[in-house]
PDB file of N, CA and C in Angstrom:
ATOM      1  N   MET A   1       0.938  -1.401  -0.298  1.00  0.00           N
ATOM      2  CA  MET A   1       0.023   0.013   0.320  1.00  0.00           C
ATOM      3  C   MET A   1       0.982   1.176  -0.499  1.00  0.00           C
ATOM      4  N   ASP A   2       0.751   2.488  -1.362  1.00  0.00           N
ATOM      5  CA  ASP A   2       1.977   3.578  -1.218  1.00  0.00           C
ATOM      6  C   ASP A   2       1.106   4.586  -0.178  1.00  0.00           C
ATOM      7  N   ASP A   3       1.356   5.473   0.483  1.00  0.00           N
ATOM      8  CA  ASP A   3       1.305   6.530   1.385  1.00  0.00           C
ATOM      9  C   ASP A   3       0.156   7.023   0.375  1.00  0.00           C
ATOM     10  N   ASP A   4      -0.189   7.598   0.108  1.00  0.00           N
ATOM     11  CA  ASP A   4      -1.549   7.463  -0.663  1.00  0.00           C
ATOM     12  C   ASP A   4      -3.169   6.795  -0.510  1.00  0.00           C
ATOM     13  N   GLN A   5      -2.559   5.698  -0.273  1.00  0.00           N
ATOM     14  CA  GLN A   5      -3.640   4.262   0.057  1.00  0.00           C
ATOM     15  C   GLN A   5      -4.083   4.475   1.228  1.00  0.00           C
ATOM     16  N   GLN A   6      -2.665   5.008   2.156  1.00  0.00           N
ATOM     17  CA  GLN A   6      -2.448   5.408   3.145  1.00  0.00           C
ATOM     18  C   GLN A   6      -3.279   5.372   4.209  1.00  0.00           C
ATOM     19  N   HIS A   7      -3.350   6.869   3.076  1.00  0.00           N
ATOM     20  CA  HIS A   7      -3.388   8.279   3.776  1.00  0.00           C
ATOM     21  C   HIS A   7      -4.961   8.242   4.037  1.00  0.00           C
ATOM     22  N   ASP A   8      -5.847   7.062   2.439  1.00  0.00           N
ATOM     23  CA  ASP A   8      -6.717   7.409   2.500  1.00  0.00           C
ATOM     24  C   ASP A   8      -8.066   6.296   3.130  1.00  0.00           C
ATOM     25  N   TYR A   9      -7.265   5.301   3.648  1.00  0.00           N
ATOM     26  CA  TYR A   9      -7.305   3.717   3.960  1.00  0.00           C
ATOM     27  C   TYR A   9      -7.784   5.087   5.861  1.00  0.00           C
ATOM     28  N   GLU A  10      -7.076   5.275   6.288  1.00  0.00           N
ATOM     29  CA  GLU A  10      -7.284   5.771   7.742  1.00  0.00           C
ATOM     30  C   GLU A  10      -8.276   6.581   6.958  1.00  0.00           C
ATOM     31  N   GLN A  11      -7.725   7.752   6.247  1.00  0.00           N
ATOM     32  CA  GLN A  11      -8.833   8.647   6.194  1.00  0.00           C
ATOM     33  C   GLN A  11     -10.969   8.081   6.800  1.00  0.00           C
ATOM     34  N   GLU A  12     -10.309   6.486   6.182  1.00  0.00           N
ATOM     35  CA  GLU A  12     -11.691   6.302   6.294  1.00  0.00           C
ATOM     36  C   GLU A  12     -12.159   5.737   7.119  1.00  0.00           C
ATOM     37  N   LEU A  13     -11.380   4.492   7.918  1.00  0.00           N
ATOM     38  CA  LEU A  13     -11.211   4.592   9.275  1.00  0.00           C
ATOM     39  C   LEU A  13     -11.726   5.800  10.084  1.00  0.00           C
ATOM     40  N   LEU A  14     -11.261   7.045   9.902  1.00  0.00           N
ATOM     41  CA  LEU A  14     -11.233   7.995  11.248  1.00  0.00           C
ATOM     42  C   LEU A  14     -12.947   8.151  10.564  1.00  0.00           C
ATOM     43  N   LEU A  15     -13.444   8.509   9.249  1.00  0.00           N
ATOM     44  CA  LEU A  15     -14.541   8.790   9.446  1.00  0.00           C
ATOM     45  C   LEU A  15     -15.480   7.603   9.578  1.00  0.00           C
ATOM     46  N   GLN A  16     -15.529   6.178   9.967  1.00  0.00           N
ATOM     47  CA  GLN A  16     -15.780   5.410  10.444  1.00  0.00           C
ATOM     48  C   GLN A  16     -16.030   5.866  12.242  1.00  0.00           C
ATOM     49  N   LEU A  17     -14.243   5.898  13.125  1.00  0.00           N
ATOM     50  CA  LEU A  17     -14.641   6.219  13.690  1.00  0.00           C
ATOM     51  C   LEU A  17     -15.626   7.004  14.032  1.00  0.00           C
ATOM     52  N   ASN A  18     -15.432   8.288  13.486  1.00  0.00           N
ATOM     53  CA  ASN A  18     -16.846   9.688  14.188  1.00  0.00           C
ATOM     54  C   ASN A  18     -18.023   9.162  14.148  1.00  0.00           C
ATOM     55  N   VAL A  19     -18.489   7.961  13.564  1.00  0.00           N
ATOM     56  CA  VAL A  19     -19.808   7.944  13.370  1.00  0.00           C
ATOM     57  C   VAL A  19     -20.018   6.998  14.187  1.00  0.00           C
ATOM     58  N   VAL A  20     -19.675   5.726  14.618  1.00  0.00           N
ATOM     59  CA  VAL A  20     -19.872   4.990  15.473  1.00  0.00           C
ATOM     60  C   VAL A  20     -19.409   6.051  16.822  1.00  0.00           C
ATOM     61  N   GLU A  21     -18.639   6.700  17.060  1.00  0.00           N
ATOM     62  CA  GLU A  21     -19.167   7.649  17.755  1.00  0.00           C
ATOM     63  C   GLU A  21     -19.907   8.491  18.573  1.00  0.00           C
ATOM     64  N   ALA A  22     -20.283   8.954  17.376  1.00  0.00           N
ATOM     65  CA  ALA A  22     -21.673   9.769  17.727  1.00  0.00           C
ATOM     66  C   ALA A  22     -22.806   8.991  17.842  1.00  0.00           C
ATOM     67  N   LYS A  23     -22.514   7.798  17.413  1.00  0.00           N
ATOM     68  CA  LYS A  23     -23.703   6.432  17.891  1.00  0.00           C
ATOM     69  C   LYS A  23     -23.745   5.830  18.676  1.00  0.00           C
ATOM     70  N   LEU A  24     -22.608   6.063  19.548  1.00  0.00           N
ATOM     71  CA  LEU A  24     -22.384   6.042  20.716  1.00  0.00           C
ATOM     72  C   LEU A  24     -23.175   6.886  21.543  1.00  0.00           C
ATOM     73  N   THR A  25     -22.955   8.307  21.247  1.00  0.00           N
ATOM     74  CA  THR A  25     -23.304   9.507  22.075  1.00  0.00           C
ATOM     75  C   THR A  25     -24.727   9.358  22.029  1.00  0.00           C
ATOM     76  N   ASP A  26     -25.289   9.413  20.680  1.00  0.00           N
ATOM     77  CA  ASP A  26     -26.563   8.994  21.124  1.00  0.00           C
ATOM     78  C   ASP A  26     -27.601   8.028  21.434  1.00  0.00           C
ATOM     79  N   LEU A  27     -26.623   7.242  21.782  1.00  0.00           N
ATOM     80  CA  LEU A  27     -27.323   6.122  22.852  1.00  0.00           C
ATOM     81  C   LEU A  27     -27.320   6.315  23.866  1.00  0.00           C
ATOM     82  N   LYS A  28     -26.114   6.667  24.461  1.00  0.00           N
ATOM     83  CA  LYS A  28     -26.142   6.867  25.743  1.00  0.00           C
ATOM     84  C   LYS A  28     -27.133   8.483  26.705  1.00  0.00           C
ATOM     85  N   ALA A  29     -27.161   9.229  25.316  1.00  0.00           N
ATOM     86  CA  ALA A  29     -28.311  10.240  25.659  1.00  0.00           C
ATOM     87  C   ALA A  29     -29.481   9.700  25.968  1.00  0.00           C
ATOM     88  N   ARG A  30     -30.233   8.922  25.652  1.00  0.00           N
ATOM     89  CA  ARG A  30     -30.919   8.230  25.350  1.00  0.00           C
ATOM     90  C   ARG A  30     -31.433   6.512  26.113  1.00  0.00           C
ATOM     91  N   TRP A  31     -29.903   6.422  26.695  1.00  0.00           N
ATOM     92  CA  TRP A  31     -29.942   5.841  27.995  1.00  0.00           C
ATOM     93  C   TRP A  31     -30.890   5.868  29.026  1.00  0.00           C
ATOM     94  N   PRO A  32     -31.723   5.535  29.430  1.00  0.00           N
ATOM     95  CA  PRO A  32     -32.912   5.250  30.846  1.00  0.00           C
ATOM     96  C   PRO A  32     -32.007   5.451  31.802  1.00  0.00           C
ATOM     97  N   ALA A  33     -32.693   5.874  32.817  1.00  0.00           N
ATOM     98  CA  ALA A  33     -31.545   5.715  34.524  1.00  0.00           C
ATOM     99  C   ALA A  33     -32.607   4.365  34.398  1.00  0.00           C
ATOM    100  N   HIS A  34     -33.558   3.760  34.428  1.00  0.00           N
ATOM    101  CA  HIS A  34     -33.840   2.676  34.556  1.00  0.00           C
ATOM    102  C   HIS A  34     -34.530   1.969  33.694  1.00  0.00           C
ATOM    103  N   SER A  35     -34.386   0.961  33.435  1.00  0.00           N
ATOM    104  CA  SER A  35     -35.195  -0.392  32.776  1.00  0.00           C
ATOM    105  C   SER A  35     -34.628  -0.153  31.571  1.00  0.00           C
ATOM    106  N   VAL A  36     -33.424  -0.601  31.697  1.00  0.00           N
ATOM    107  CA  VAL A  36     -33.378  -0.615  30.511  1.00  0.00           C
ATOM    108  C   VAL A  36     -33.237  -1.291  29.280  1.00  0.00           C
ATOM    109  N   GLN A  37     -33.474  -1.970  28.031  1.00  0.00           N
ATOM    110  CA  GLN A  37     -34.299  -2.818  27.275  1.00  0.00           C
ATOM    111  C   GLN A  37     -32.823  -3.652  27.173  1.00  0.00           C
ATOM    112  N   GLY A  38     -32.533  -5.030  26.425  1.00  0.00           N
ATOM    113  CA  GLY A  38     -31.535  -5.797  25.939  1.00  0.00           C
ATOM    114  C   GLY A  38     -31.905  -4.769  24.648  1.00  0.00           C
ATOM    115  N   LYS A  39     -32.258  -4.224  24.321  1.00  0.00           N
ATOM    116  CA  LYS A  39     -31.387  -4.074  22.418  1.00  0.00           C
ATOM    117  C   LYS A  39     -31.083  -3.259  22.851  1.00  0.00           C
ATOM    118  N   MET A  40     -30.764  -2.393  24.118  1.00  0.00           N
ATOM    119  CA  MET A  40     -30.216  -0.984  24.030  1.00  0.00           C
ATOM    120  C   MET A  40     -29.032  -2.039  24.692  1.00  0.00           C
ATOM    121  N   VAL A  41     -28.924  -2.437  25.130  1.00  0.00           N
ATOM    122  CA  VAL A  41     -27.645  -2.824  25.765  1.00  0.00           C
ATOM    123  C   VAL A  41     -27.021  -3.876  25.093  1.00  0.00           C
ATOM    124  N   ALA A  42     -27.209  -4.416  23.901  1.00  0.00           N
ATOM    125  CA  ALA A  42     -26.660  -5.762  22.398  1.00  0.00           C
ATOM    126  C   ALA A  42     -25.910  -4.081  22.106  1.00  0.00           C
ATOM    127  N   GLU A  43     -26.925  -2.895  21.498  1.00  0.00           N
ATOM    128  CA  GLU A  43     -26.860  -1.922  20.716  1.00  0.00           C
ATOM    129  C   GLU A  43     -25.259  -1.136  21.630  1.00  0.00           C
ATOM    130  N   LEU A  44     -25.896  -1.257  22.645  1.00  0.00           N
ATOM    131  CA  LEU A  44     -24.375  -0.315  22.846  1.00  0.00           C
ATOM    132  C   LEU A  44     -22.584  -1.406  23.133  1.00  0.00           C
ATOM    133  N   GLU A  45     -22.526  -2.317  23.201  1.00  0.00           N
ATOM    134  CA  GLU A  45     -21.894  -3.457  23.190  1.00  0.00           C
ATOM    135  C   GLU A  45     -21.489  -3.484  22.033  1.00  0.00           C
ATOM    136  N   ASP A  46     -22.889  -3.702  20.808  1.00  0.00           N
ATOM    137  CA  ASP A  46     -21.503  -4.286  19.565  1.00  0.00           C
ATOM    138  C   ASP A  46     -21.073  -2.935  19.333  1.00  0.00           C
ATOM    139  N   LEU A  47     -21.410  -1.470  19.704  1.00  0.00           N
ATOM    140  CA  LEU A  47     -20.577   0.080  18.935  1.00  0.00           C
ATOM    141  C   LEU A  47     -19.873   0.413  19.799  1.00  0.00           C
ATOM    142  N   GLU A  48     -19.375  -0.237  20.912  1.00  0.00           N
ATOM    143  CA  GLU A  48     -18.297  -0.482  21.864  1.00  0.00           C
ATOM    144  C   GLU A  48     -17.129  -1.039  21.007  1.00  0.00           C
ATOM    145  N   GLU A  49     -17.370  -2.402  20.969  1.00  0.00           N
ATOM    146  CA  GLU A  49     -16.345  -3.099  20.495  1.00  0.00           C
ATOM    147  C   GLU A  49     -15.680  -2.591  18.612  1.00  0.00           C
ATOM    148  N   GLU A  50     -17.098  -2.485  17.585  1.00  0.00           N
ATOM    149  CA  GLU A  50     -16.726  -1.270  16.659  1.00  0.00           C
ATOM    150  C   GLU A  50     -15.104  -0.012  16.704  1.00  0.00           C
ATOM    151  N   ARG A  51     -15.402   0.372  17.606  1.00  0.00           N
ATOM    152  CA  ARG A  51     -15.022   1.074  18.173  1.00  0.00           C
ATOM    153  C   ARG A  51     -13.938   1.257  18.516  1.00  0.00           C
ATOM    154  N   ASP A  52     -13.817   0.252  18.834  1.00  0.00           N
ATOM    155  CA  ASP A  52     -12.451  -0.341  19.885  1.00  0.00           C
ATOM    156  C   ASP A  52     -10.930  -0.778  19.077  1.00  0.00           C
ATOM    157  N   ARG A  53     -11.430  -1.452  16.954  1.00  0.00           N
ATOM    158  CA  ARG A  53     -11.487  -2.761  16.335  1.00  0.00           C
ATOM    159  C   ARG A  53     -10.733  -1.416  15.260  1.00  0.00           C
ATOM    160  N   LEU A  54     -12.112  -0.261  15.207  1.00  0.00           N
ATOM    161  CA  LEU A  54     -11.653   0.917  14.594  1.00  0.00           C
ATOM    162  C   LEU A  54     -10.529   1.519  15.344  1.00  0.00           C
ATOM    163  N   ARG A  55     -10.985   1.125  16.813  1.00  0.00           N
ATOM    164  CA  ARG A  55      -9.293   2.554  17.228  1.00  0.00           C
ATOM    165  C   ARG A  55      -8.257   1.551  17.150  1.00  0.00           C
ATOM    166  N   GLY A  56      -7.625   0.098  17.629  1.00  0.00           N
ATOM    167  CA  GLY A  56      -6.649  -0.628  17.023  1.00  0.00           C
ATOM    168  C   GLY A  56      -6.195  -0.957  15.633  1.00  0.00           C
ATOM    169  N   LEU A  57      -7.387  -0.218  15.100  1.00  0.00           N
ATOM    170  CA  LEU A  57      -6.706   0.046  13.457  1.00  0.00           C
ATOM    171  C   LEU A  57      -6.220   0.402  13.360  1.00  0.00           C
ATOM    172  N   LEU A  58      -6.617   1.681  13.469  1.00  0.00           N
ATOM    173  CA  LEU A  58      -5.602   3.616  13.521  1.00  0.00           C
ATOM    174  C   LEU A  58      -4.579   3.373  14.482  1.00  0.00           C
ATOM    175  N   HIS A  59      -4.053   2.530  15.630  1.00  0.00           N
ATOM    176  CA  HIS A  59      -2.850   2.558  16.154  1.00  0.00           C
ATOM    177  C   HIS A  59      -2.110   1.340  15.637  1.00  0.00           C
TER     178      HIS A  59
END
């Protein structure tokens, strides 16, 4: 992979990371104080895993 391709790849990963982090922020803003639905917990876990995966690819 040449420098331009590497740069494009990193930019795409950063964009994906920003989208995931925005989704996490939105989910946490909607998080109820009590009685959290299972699907919200699963969504949180999925988003956190994807965030961590993207961060790992960037470092």
